[in-house]
PDB file of N, CA and C in Angstrom:
ATOM      1  N   MET A   1      34.166 -10.460 -16.001  1.00  0.00           N
ATOM      2  CA  MET A   1      33.464 -10.462 -14.727  1.00  0.00           C
ATOM      3  C   MET A   1      32.688  -9.159 -14.594  1.00  0.00           C
ATOM      4  N   SER A   2      31.422  -9.271 -14.258  1.00  0.00           N
ATOM      5  CA  SER A   2      30.587  -8.076 -14.133  1.00  0.00           C
ATOM      6  C   SER A   2      30.708  -7.490 -12.726  1.00  0.00           C
ATOM      7  N   ASP A   3      30.204  -6.274 -12.574  1.00  0.00           N
ATOM      8  CA  ASP A   3      30.231  -5.601 -11.280  1.00  0.00           C
ATOM      9  C   ASP A   3      29.118  -6.082 -10.358  1.00  0.00           C
ATOM     10  N   TRP A   4      28.164  -6.812 -10.896  1.00  0.00           N
ATOM     11  CA  TRP A   4      27.023  -7.269 -10.116  1.00  0.00           C
ATOM     12  C   TRP A   4      27.390  -8.517  -9.332  1.00  0.00           C
ATOM     13  N   LYS A   5      26.725  -8.692  -8.199  1.00  0.00           N
ATOM     14  CA  LYS A   5      26.984  -9.858  -7.358  1.00  0.00           C
ATOM     15  C   LYS A   5      26.422 -11.127  -7.983  1.00  0.00           C
ATOM     16  N   TYR A   6      25.242 -11.020  -8.623  1.00  0.00           N
ATOM     17  CA  TYR A   6      24.593 -12.172  -9.241  1.00  0.00           C
ATOM     18  C   TYR A   6      24.321 -11.874 -10.705  1.00  0.00           C
ATOM     19  N   ASP A   7      24.361 -12.890 -11.524  1.00  0.00           N
ATOM     20  CA  ASP A   7      24.005 -12.758 -12.931  1.00  0.00           C
ATOM     21  C   ASP A   7      22.557 -13.175 -13.123  1.00  0.00           C
ATOM     22  N   ILE A   8      21.976 -12.814 -14.278  1.00  0.00           N
ATOM     23  CA  ILE A   8      20.598 -13.191 -14.603  1.00  0.00           C
ATOM     24  C   ILE A   8      20.442 -14.707 -14.593  1.00  0.00           C
ATOM     25  N   GLU A   9      21.436 -15.402 -15.051  1.00  0.00           N
ATOM     26  CA  GLU A   9      21.357 -16.865 -15.086  1.00  0.00           C
ATOM     27  C   GLU A   9      21.258 -17.456 -13.680  1.00  0.00           C
ATOM     28  N   ASP A  10      21.817 -16.751 -12.684  1.00  0.00           N
ATOM     29  CA  ASP A  10      21.793 -17.259 -11.314  1.00  0.00           C
ATOM     30  C   ASP A  10      20.441 -17.070 -10.634  1.00  0.00           C
ATOM     31  N   VAL A  11      19.770 -15.955 -10.924  1.00  0.00           N
ATOM     32  CA  VAL A  11      18.537 -15.647 -10.203  1.00  0.00           C
ATOM     33  C   VAL A  11      17.280 -15.820 -11.029  1.00  0.00           C
ATOM     34  N   GLY A  12      17.355 -15.881 -12.336  1.00  0.00           N
ATOM     35  CA  GLY A  12      16.185 -16.047 -13.182  1.00  0.00           C
ATOM     36  C   GLY A  12      15.576 -14.719 -13.571  1.00  0.00           C
ATOM     37  N   ASP A  13      14.496 -14.778 -14.333  1.00  0.00           N
ATOM     38  CA  ASP A  13      13.818 -13.580 -14.809  1.00  0.00           C
ATOM     39  C   ASP A  13      12.886 -13.035 -13.740  1.00  0.00           C
ATOM     40  N   ASP A  14      12.593 -11.741 -13.824  1.00  0.00           N
ATOM     41  CA  ASP A  14      11.642 -11.112 -12.910  1.00  0.00           C
ATOM     42  C   ASP A  14      10.223 -11.149 -13.445  1.00  0.00           C
ATOM     43  N   GLY A  15      10.032 -11.564 -14.675  1.00  0.00           N
ATOM     44  CA  GLY A  15       8.719 -11.555 -15.297  1.00  0.00           C
ATOM     45  C   GLY A  15       7.814 -12.631 -14.751  1.00  0.00           C
ATOM     46  N   ASP A  16       6.628 -12.720 -15.335  1.00  0.00           N
ATOM     47  CA  ASP A  16       5.637 -13.713 -14.932  1.00  0.00           C
ATOM     48  C   ASP A  16       6.159 -15.100 -15.249  1.00  0.00           C
ATOM     49  N   ASP A  17       6.123 -15.967 -14.251  1.00  0.00           N
ATOM     50  CA  ASP A  17       6.630 -17.318 -14.464  1.00  0.00           C
ATOM     51  C   ASP A  17       5.557 -18.270 -14.973  1.00  0.00           C
ATOM     52  N   GLY A  18       4.354 -17.768 -15.191  1.00  0.00           N
ATOM     53  CA  GLY A  18       3.282 -18.612 -15.695  1.00  0.00           C
ATOM     54  C   GLY A  18       2.749 -19.569 -14.660  1.00  0.00           C
ATOM     55  N   GLY A  19       2.975 -19.253 -13.395  1.00  0.00           N
ATOM     56  CA  GLY A  19       2.532 -20.128 -12.323  1.00  0.00           C
ATOM     57  C   GLY A  19       1.029 -20.073 -12.122  1.00  0.00           C
ATOM     58  N   THR A  20       0.571 -20.909 -11.228  1.00  0.00           N
ATOM     59  CA  THR A  20      -0.861 -21.000 -10.969  1.00  0.00           C
ATOM     60  C   THR A  20      -1.316 -20.043  -9.884  1.00  0.00           C
ATOM     61  N   GLY A  21      -0.391 -19.382  -9.218  1.00  0.00           N
ATOM     62  CA  GLY A  21      -0.773 -18.460  -8.156  1.00  0.00           C
ATOM     63  C   GLY A  21      -1.071 -19.164  -6.857  1.00  0.00           C
ATOM     64  N   ASP A  22      -0.406 -20.277  -6.597  1.00  0.00           N
ATOM     65  CA  ASP A  22      -0.634 -21.034  -5.377  1.00  0.00           C
ATOM     66  C   ASP A  22       0.265 -20.582  -4.230  1.00  0.00           C
ATOM     67  N   ASP A  23       0.921 -19.451  -4.388  1.00  0.00           N
ATOM     68  CA  ASP A  23       1.776 -18.983  -3.316  1.00  0.00           C
ATOM     69  C   ASP A  23       0.935 -18.371  -2.198  1.00  0.00           C
ATOM     70  N   ASP A  24       1.589 -17.995  -1.121  1.00  0.00           N
ATOM     71  CA  ASP A  24       0.879 -17.505   0.063  1.00  0.00           C
ATOM     72  C   ASP A  24       0.145 -16.196  -0.189  1.00  0.00           C
ATOM     73  N   THR A  25       0.666 -15.325  -1.048  1.00  0.00           N
ATOM     74  CA  THR A  25       0.034 -14.025  -1.255  1.00  0.00           C
ATOM     75  C   THR A  25      -1.260 -14.120  -2.035  1.00  0.00           C
ATOM     76  N   SER A  26      -1.445 -15.148  -2.835  1.00  0.00           N
ATOM     77  CA  SER A  26      -2.679 -15.257  -3.607  1.00  0.00           C
ATOM     78  C   SER A  26      -3.859 -15.649  -2.725  1.00  0.00           C
ATOM     79  N   GLN A  27      -3.603 -16.253  -1.591  1.00  0.00           N
ATOM     80  CA  GLN A  27      -4.676 -16.659  -0.690  1.00  0.00           C
ATOM     81  C   GLN A  27      -4.879 -15.670   0.455  1.00  0.00           C
ATOM     82  N   MET A  28      -4.135 -14.574   0.451  1.00  0.00           N
ATOM     83  CA  MET A  28      -4.253 -13.617   1.538  1.00  0.00           C
ATOM     84  C   MET A  28      -5.628 -12.948   1.538  1.00  0.00           C
ATOM     85  N   TYR A  29      -6.103 -12.560   0.363  1.00  0.00           N
ATOM     86  CA  TYR A  29      -7.400 -11.915   0.221  1.00  0.00           C
ATOM     87  C   TYR A  29      -8.203 -12.672  -0.830  1.00  0.00           C
ATOM     88  N   PRO A  30      -8.987 -13.651  -0.425  1.00  0.00           N
ATOM     89  CA  PRO A  30      -9.768 -14.411  -1.402  1.00  0.00           C
ATOM     90  C   PRO A  30     -10.758 -13.519  -2.142  1.00  0.00           C
ATOM     91  N   VAL A  31     -10.903 -13.752  -3.434  1.00  0.00           N
ATOM     92  CA  VAL A  31     -11.759 -12.920  -4.272  1.00  0.00           C
ATOM     93  C   VAL A  31     -13.232 -13.206  -4.006  1.00  0.00           C
ATOM     94  N   ASP A  32     -13.565 -14.436  -3.693  1.00  0.00           N
ATOM     95  CA  ASP A  32     -14.970 -14.799  -3.546  1.00  0.00           C
ATOM     96  C   ASP A  32     -15.568 -14.350  -2.208  1.00  0.00           C
ATOM     97  N   GLU A  33     -14.765 -13.837  -1.280  1.00  0.00           N
ATOM     98  CA  GLU A  33     -15.275 -13.353  -0.008  1.00  0.00           C
ATOM     99  C   GLU A  33     -15.596 -11.870  -0.112  1.00  0.00           C
ATOM    100  N   PRO A  34     -16.846 -11.459   0.116  1.00  0.00           N
ATOM    101  CA  PRO A  34     -17.176 -10.027   0.034  1.00  0.00           C
ATOM    102  C   PRO A  34     -16.607  -9.273   1.237  1.00  0.00           C
ATOM    103  N   LEU A  35     -16.323  -8.009   1.032  1.00  0.00           N
ATOM    104  CA  LEU A  35     -15.848  -7.163   2.121  1.00  0.00           C
ATOM    105  C   LEU A  35     -17.033  -6.691   2.944  1.00  0.00           C
ATOM    106  N   GLU A  36     -16.907  -6.810   4.224  1.00  0.00           N
ATOM    107  CA  GLU A  36     -17.967  -6.386   5.129  1.00  0.00           C
ATOM    108  C   GLU A  36     -17.575  -5.047   5.744  1.00  0.00           C
ATOM    109  N   PRO A  37     -18.482  -4.054   5.720  1.00  0.00           N
ATOM    110  CA  PRO A  37     -18.152  -2.774   6.342  1.00  0.00           C
ATOM    111  C   PRO A  37     -18.127  -2.909   7.860  1.00  0.00           C
ATOM    112  N   GLY A  38     -17.236  -2.179   8.469  1.00  0.00           N
ATOM    113  CA  GLY A  38     -17.143  -2.193   9.920  1.00  0.00           C
ATOM    114  C   GLY A  38     -17.395  -0.810  10.471  1.00  0.00           C
ATOM    115  N   SER A  39     -17.495  -0.731  11.765  1.00  0.00           N
ATOM    116  CA  SER A  39     -17.699   0.580  12.382  1.00  0.00           C
ATOM    117  C   SER A  39     -16.329   1.154  12.747  1.00  0.00           C
ATOM    118  N   PRO A  40     -16.112   2.441  12.458  1.00  0.00           N
ATOM    119  CA  PRO A  40     -14.812   3.041  12.769  1.00  0.00           C
ATOM    120  C   PRO A  40     -14.659   3.264  14.271  1.00  0.00           C
ATOM    121  N   SER A  41     -13.436   3.130  14.725  1.00  0.00           N
ATOM    122  CA  SER A  41     -13.185   3.371  16.144  1.00  0.00           C
ATOM    123  C   SER A  41     -12.957   4.861  16.377  1.00  0.00           C
ATOM    124  N   ALA A  42     -13.069   5.271  17.615  1.00  0.00           N
ATOM    125  CA  ALA A  42     -12.891   6.685  17.964  1.00  0.00           C
ATOM    126  C   ALA A  42     -11.471   7.148  17.651  1.00  0.00           C
ATOM    127  N   GLU A  43     -10.492   6.281  17.834  1.00  0.00           N
ATOM    128  CA  GLU A  43      -9.101   6.641  17.547  1.00  0.00           C
ATOM    129  C   GLU A  43      -8.901   6.910  16.062  1.00  0.00           C
ATOM    130  N   ASN A  44      -9.488   6.076  15.208  1.00  0.00           N
ATOM    131  CA  ASN A  44      -9.372   6.288  13.764  1.00  0.00           C
ATOM    132  C   ASN A  44     -10.043   7.590  13.342  1.00  0.00           C
ATOM    133  N   ILE A  45     -11.203   7.866  13.889  1.00  0.00           N
ATOM    134  CA  ILE A  45     -11.914   9.112  13.570  1.00  0.00           C
ATOM    135  C   ILE A  45     -11.085  10.313  14.006  1.00  0.00           C
ATOM    136  N   LEU A  46     -10.494  10.230  15.198  1.00  0.00           N
ATOM    137  CA  LEU A  46      -9.673  11.327  15.710  1.00  0.00           C
ATOM    138  C   LEU A  46      -8.493  11.614  14.785  1.00  0.00           C
ATOM    139  N   PHE A  47      -7.802  10.578  14.318  1.00  0.00           N
ATOM    140  CA  PHE A  47      -6.648  10.786  13.454  1.00  0.00           C
ATOM    141  C   PHE A  47      -7.045  11.326  12.087  1.00  0.00           C
ATOM    142  N   VAL A  48      -8.180  10.915  11.560  1.00  0.00           N
ATOM    143  CA  VAL A  48      -8.637  11.443  10.269  1.00  0.00           C
ATOM    144  C   VAL A  48      -8.991  12.917  10.402  1.00  0.00           C
ATOM    145  N   VAL A  49      -9.717  13.272  11.447  1.00  0.00           N
ATOM    146  CA  VAL A  49     -10.098  14.673  11.652  1.00  0.00           C
ATOM    147  C   VAL A  49      -8.862  15.526  11.929  1.00  0.00           C
ATOM    148  N   LEU A  50      -7.944  15.025  12.734  1.00  0.00           N
ATOM    149  CA  LEU A  50      -6.716  15.761  13.021  1.00  0.00           C
ATOM    150  C   LEU A  50      -5.886  15.965  11.753  1.00  0.00           C
ATOM    151  N   GLY A  51      -5.788  14.949  10.916  1.00  0.00           N
ATOM    152  CA  GLY A  51      -5.060  15.082   9.655  1.00  0.00           C
ATOM    153  C   GLY A  51      -5.720  16.061   8.710  1.00  0.00           C
ATOM    154  N   ALA A  52      -7.048  16.033   8.635  1.00  0.00           N
ATOM    155  CA  ALA A  52      -7.763  16.966   7.760  1.00  0.00           C
ATOM    156  C   ALA A  52      -7.592  18.405   8.236  1.00  0.00           C
ATOM    157  N   LEU A  53      -7.685  18.630   9.535  1.00  0.00           N
ATOM    158  CA  LEU A  53      -7.496  19.981  10.067  1.00  0.00           C
ATOM    159  C   LEU A  53      -6.061  20.464   9.873  1.00  0.00           C
ATOM    160  N   THR A  54      -5.102  19.579  10.041  1.00  0.00           N
ATOM    161  CA  THR A  54      -3.702  19.947   9.829  1.00  0.00           C
ATOM    162  C   THR A  54      -3.455  20.341   8.383  1.00  0.00           C
ATOM    163  N   MET A  55      -3.972  19.568   7.438  1.00  0.00           N
ATOM    164  CA  MET A  55      -3.771  19.896   6.024  1.00  0.00           C
ATOM    165  C   MET A  55      -4.508  21.177   5.650  1.00  0.00           C
ATOM    166  N   LEU A  56      -5.677  21.399   6.221  1.00  0.00           N
ATOM    167  CA  LEU A  56      -6.397  22.647   5.975  1.00  0.00           C
ATOM    168  C   LEU A  56      -5.582  23.838   6.477  1.00  0.00           C
ATOM    169  N   PHE A  57      -4.988  23.710   7.649  1.00  0.00           N
ATOM    170  CA  PHE A  57      -4.141  24.767   8.189  1.00  0.00           C
ATOM    171  C   PHE A  57      -2.923  25.003   7.296  1.00  0.00           C
ATOM    172  N   VAL A  58      -2.294  23.932   6.819  1.00  0.00           N
ATOM    173  CA  VAL A  58      -1.123  24.068   5.944  1.00  0.00           C
ATOM    174  C   VAL A  58      -1.509  24.773   4.653  1.00  0.00           C
ATOM    175  N   PHE A  59      -2.611  24.377   4.033  1.00  0.00           N
ATOM    176  CA  PHE A  59      -3.044  25.027   2.788  1.00  0.00           C
ATOM    177  C   PHE A  59      -3.383  26.501   3.013  1.00  0.00           C
ATOM    178  N   LEU A  60      -4.026  26.808   4.126  1.00  0.00           N
ATOM    179  CA  LEU A  60      -4.346  28.204   4.420  1.00  0.00           C
ATOM    180  C   LEU A  60      -3.083  29.027   4.652  1.00  0.00           C
ATOM    181  N   ARG A  61      -2.089  28.443   5.308  1.00  0.00           N
ATOM    182  CA  ARG A  61      -0.825  29.152   5.529  1.00  0.00           C
ATOM    183  C   ARG A  61      -0.074  29.358   4.215  1.00  0.00           C
ATOM    184  N   LEU A  62      -0.122  28.374   3.325  1.00  0.00           N
ATOM    185  CA  LEU A  62       0.574  28.501   2.042  1.00  0.00           C
ATOM    186  C   LEU A  62      -0.076  29.547   1.146  1.00  0.00           C
ATOM    187  N   THR A  63      -1.380  29.665   1.226  1.00  0.00           N
ATOM    188  CA  THR A  63      -2.071  30.649   0.391  1.00  0.00           C
ATOM    189  C   THR A  63      -2.084  32.032   1.027  1.00  0.00           C
ATOM    190  N   GLY A  64      -1.677  32.139   2.280  1.00  0.00           N
ATOM    191  CA  GLY A  64      -1.623  33.431   2.950  1.00  0.00           C
ATOM    192  C   GLY A  64      -2.939  33.868   3.545  1.00  0.00           C
ATOM    193  N   LEU A  65      -3.888  32.971   3.674  1.00  0.00           N
ATOM    194  CA  LEU A  65      -5.193  33.321   4.234  1.00  0.00           C
ATOM    195  C   LEU A  65      -5.238  33.174   5.749  1.00  0.00           C
ATOM    196  N   ALA A  66      -4.242  32.538   6.328  1.00  0.00           N
ATOM    197  CA  ALA A  66      -4.244  32.358   7.786  1.00  0.00           C
ATOM    198  C   ALA A  66      -2.972  32.900   8.396  1.00  0.00           C
TER     199      ALA A  66
END
């Protein structure tokens, strides 16, 4: 008796099953649909700028320049 709860024979292999890809995840992002650019919202811009300034401050503190 092994220490594992399930054996390989019980659950099958983790490798490619050779399926056709008809599961739900294959249709989540269709390949034939082009991506359309959108306009960023003010909240997204604020978080990007805040993150960039925070990382700049951290790098300056680590190098001893601030």
